[in-house]
Amino acid sequence: MSIKRETHLKVAFLMWGMVGTGLLIAGSVFLFGNRSLSVLSDGSADPGIKEVIGLSIALIIGFIKGNLVLKKLAKKYIARIKTLPELSPVYMTFSPKSWMMVVGMMTLGKIVRSVGAPPLVIGVIYVAVGSALVLGSRTYIMSFQHVQTEV
């Protein structure tokens, strides 16, 4: 299936945003032990200081990584997308090297879970990566809006 350059930008935004949101949700489950918000809000199962500190650290790391590292990476991917033909296959949204990195990150996540890392550690990693991806995904939307104003 071939798509336009602008659609590649939307696909990249959606992939980063959806994966980031999924990781934020999964990380929260690992951090807070699958307790519902209603249980946490009624005071019967307050999150411990470890969870609050872990969440804070994860969000700080995610903020820094999302605004510094992933923003630059997204700009690099955007520049690559702009060099694609007007119509190109959807899998070309990311380069083969990028797809290998995705597979590597998924494998690393599987390894971390399988070696028995504590849920707190897994939660912190997931929330940090998830929030970074969500913040980094904004770059695609901003570039798409910029492309529309150029036309």
Protein backbone atom coordinates (compact mmCIF):
# COMPACT_ATOMS: atom_id res chain seq x y z
CA MET A 1 0.00 0.00 0.00
CA SER A 2 1.48 3.33 -1.06
CA ILE A 3 0.87 6.51 0.91
CA LYS A 4 1.76 10.20 0.55
CA ARG A 5 4.63 11.88 2.40
CA GLU A 6 2.20 13.71 4.67
CA THR A 7 0.59 10.39 5.56
CA HIS A 8 4.02 9.01 6.51
CA LEU A 9 4.28 11.85 9.03
CA LYS A 10 0.87 10.95 10.44
CA VAL A 11 1.79 7.26 10.63
CA ALA A 12 5.02 8.09 12.47
CA PHE A 13 3.11 10.33 14.90
CA LEU A 14 0.50 7.64 15.53
CA MET A 15 3.08 4.90 16.03
CA TRP A 16 5.18 6.90 18.48
CA GLY A 17 2.09 8.24 20.25
CA MET A 18 0.26 4.92 20.54
CA VAL A 19 3.32 2.94 21.59
CA GLY A 20 4.22 5.66 24.09
CA THR A 21 0.69 5.69 25.52
CA GLY A 22 0.70 1.90 25.76
CA LEU A 23 4.01 1.96 27.60
CA LEU A 24 2.71 4.65 29.98
CA ILE A 25 -0.30 2.49 30.80
CA ALA A 26 1.74 -0.70 31.18
CA GLY A 27 4.34 1.14 33.26
CA SER A 28 1.63 2.46 35.56
CA VAL A 29 0.31 -1.07 36.02
CA PHE A 30 3.79 -2.29 36.94
CA LEU A 31 4.36 0.68 39.26
CA PHE A 32 1.05 0.57 41.09
CA GLY A 33 0.48 -3.18 41.10
CA ASN A 34 -2.61 -3.23 38.90
CA ARG A 35 -4.64 -1.34 41.52
CA SER A 36 -7.49 0.70 40.17
CA LEU A 37 -7.63 4.46 40.54
CA SER A 38 -10.73 4.13 42.73
CA VAL A 39 -8.79 1.96 45.20
CA LEU A 40 -5.92 4.42 45.23
CA SER A 41 -8.17 7.48 45.58
CA ASP A 42 -10.20 6.19 48.51
CA GLY A 43 -7.05 5.94 50.62
CA SER A 44 -7.29 2.21 51.32
CA ALA A 45 -4.28 1.38 49.18
CA ASP A 46 -2.06 4.43 49.04
CA PRO A 47 0.92 4.16 46.73
CA GLY A 48 4.15 3.88 48.64
CA ILE A 49 6.96 6.40 48.55
CA LYS A 50 8.92 4.06 46.24
CA GLU A 51 6.22 4.23 43.59
CA VAL A 52 5.90 8.00 43.81
CA ILE A 53 9.67 8.49 43.61
CA GLY A 54 9.88 5.97 40.74
CA LEU A 55 7.12 7.72 38.83
CA SER A 56 8.76 11.11 39.39
CA ILE A 57 12.15 9.89 38.21
CA ALA A 58 10.58 8.21 35.17
CA LEU A 59 8.69 11.35 34.17
CA ILE A 60 11.79 13.53 34.55
CA ILE A 61 13.87 11.13 32.45
CA GLY A 62 11.06 10.88 29.88
CA PHE A 63 10.74 14.67 29.70
CA ILE A 64 14.46 15.14 29.12
CA LYS A 65 14.76 12.28 26.63
CA GLY A 66 11.58 13.28 24.77
CA ASN A 67 12.52 16.94 24.41
CA LEU A 68 16.22 16.49 23.69
CA VAL A 69 16.97 13.07 22.21
CA LEU A 70 13.73 11.98 20.53
CA LYS A 71 12.94 15.44 19.19
CA LYS A 72 16.25 15.40 17.29
CA LEU A 73 15.64 11.83 16.14
CA ALA A 74 12.14 12.72 14.92
CA LYS A 75 13.55 15.68 12.96
CA LYS A 76 16.03 13.31 11.33
CA TYR A 77 13.18 10.92 10.41
CA ILE A 78 11.10 13.83 9.10
CA ALA A 79 13.95 14.95 6.85
CA ARG A 80 14.19 11.38 5.55
CA ILE A 81 10.44 11.20 4.92
CA LYS A 82 10.61 14.44 2.93
CA THR A 83 13.09 12.76 0.56
CA LEU A 84 10.72 9.88 -0.18
CA PRO A 85 8.83 9.83 -3.48
CA GLU A 86 5.36 11.43 -3.33
CA LEU A 87 3.88 7.92 -3.04
CA SER A 88 5.77 5.16 -1.24
CA PRO A 89 4.99 2.01 0.77
CA VAL A 90 3.87 2.51 4.38
CA TYR A 91 6.78 0.45 5.73
CA MET A 92 9.14 3.16 4.43
CA THR A 93 7.93 5.53 7.15
CA PHE A 94 10.98 4.35 9.08
CA SER A 95 14.31 3.11 7.73
CA PRO A 96 15.39 -0.54 8.06
CA LYS A 97 17.82 0.57 10.80
CA SER A 98 14.90 2.12 12.71
CA TRP A 99 12.81 -1.03 12.39
CA MET A 100 15.76 -3.06 13.72
CA MET A 101 15.96 -0.67 16.69
CA VAL A 102 12.24 -1.25 17.36
CA VAL A 103 12.77 -5.01 17.35
CA GLY A 104 15.81 -4.57 19.59
CA MET A 105 13.86 -2.45 22.10
CA MET A 106 11.04 -5.00 22.17
CA THR A 107 13.56 -7.77 22.74
CA LEU A 108 15.26 -5.79 25.50
CA GLY A 109 11.88 -5.27 27.20
CA LYS A 110 11.18 -9.00 27.01
CA ILE A 111 14.61 -9.78 28.48
CA VAL A 112 14.15 -7.31 31.37
CA ARG A 113 10.81 -8.92 32.23
CA SER A 114 12.10 -12.48 31.87
CA VAL A 115 15.16 -12.04 34.11
CA GLY A 116 12.83 -11.16 36.96
CA ALA A 117 13.38 -7.43 37.31
CA PRO A 118 11.15 -6.01 40.06
CA PRO A 119 7.86 -4.48 38.87
CA LEU A 120 9.02 -1.09 40.18
CA VAL A 121 12.05 -1.13 37.86
CA ILE A 122 10.01 -2.29 34.88
CA GLY A 123 7.41 0.38 35.60
CA VAL A 124 10.01 3.14 35.77
CA ILE A 125 11.57 2.05 32.48
CA TYR A 126 8.20 1.80 30.72
CA VAL A 127 6.95 5.16 32.00
CA ALA A 128 10.23 6.88 31.07
CA VAL A 129 10.28 5.46 27.54
CA GLY A 130 6.53 5.95 27.08
CA SER A 131 6.52 9.58 28.14
CA ALA A 132 9.58 10.27 25.97
CA LEU A 133 7.85 8.76 22.94
CA VAL A 134 4.67 10.75 23.54
CA LEU A 135 6.64 13.99 23.87
CA GLY A 136 8.79 13.15 20.84
CA SER A 137 5.72 12.39 18.73
CA ARG A 138 4.69 16.07 18.90
CA THR A 139 7.52 16.86 16.48
CA TYR A 140 5.76 14.92 13.71
CA ILE A 141 2.51 16.82 14.15
CA MET A 142 4.30 20.16 14.19
CA SER A 143 6.15 19.24 10.99
CA PHE A 144 2.93 18.09 9.35
CA GLN A 145 1.30 21.41 10.15
CA HIS A 146 4.37 23.15 8.71
CA VAL A 147 4.14 21.10 5.50
CA GLN A 148 0.47 22.11 5.11
CA THR A 149 1.28 25.82 5.40
CA GLU A 150 4.02 25.51 2.75
CA VAL A 151 1.56 24.18 0.16
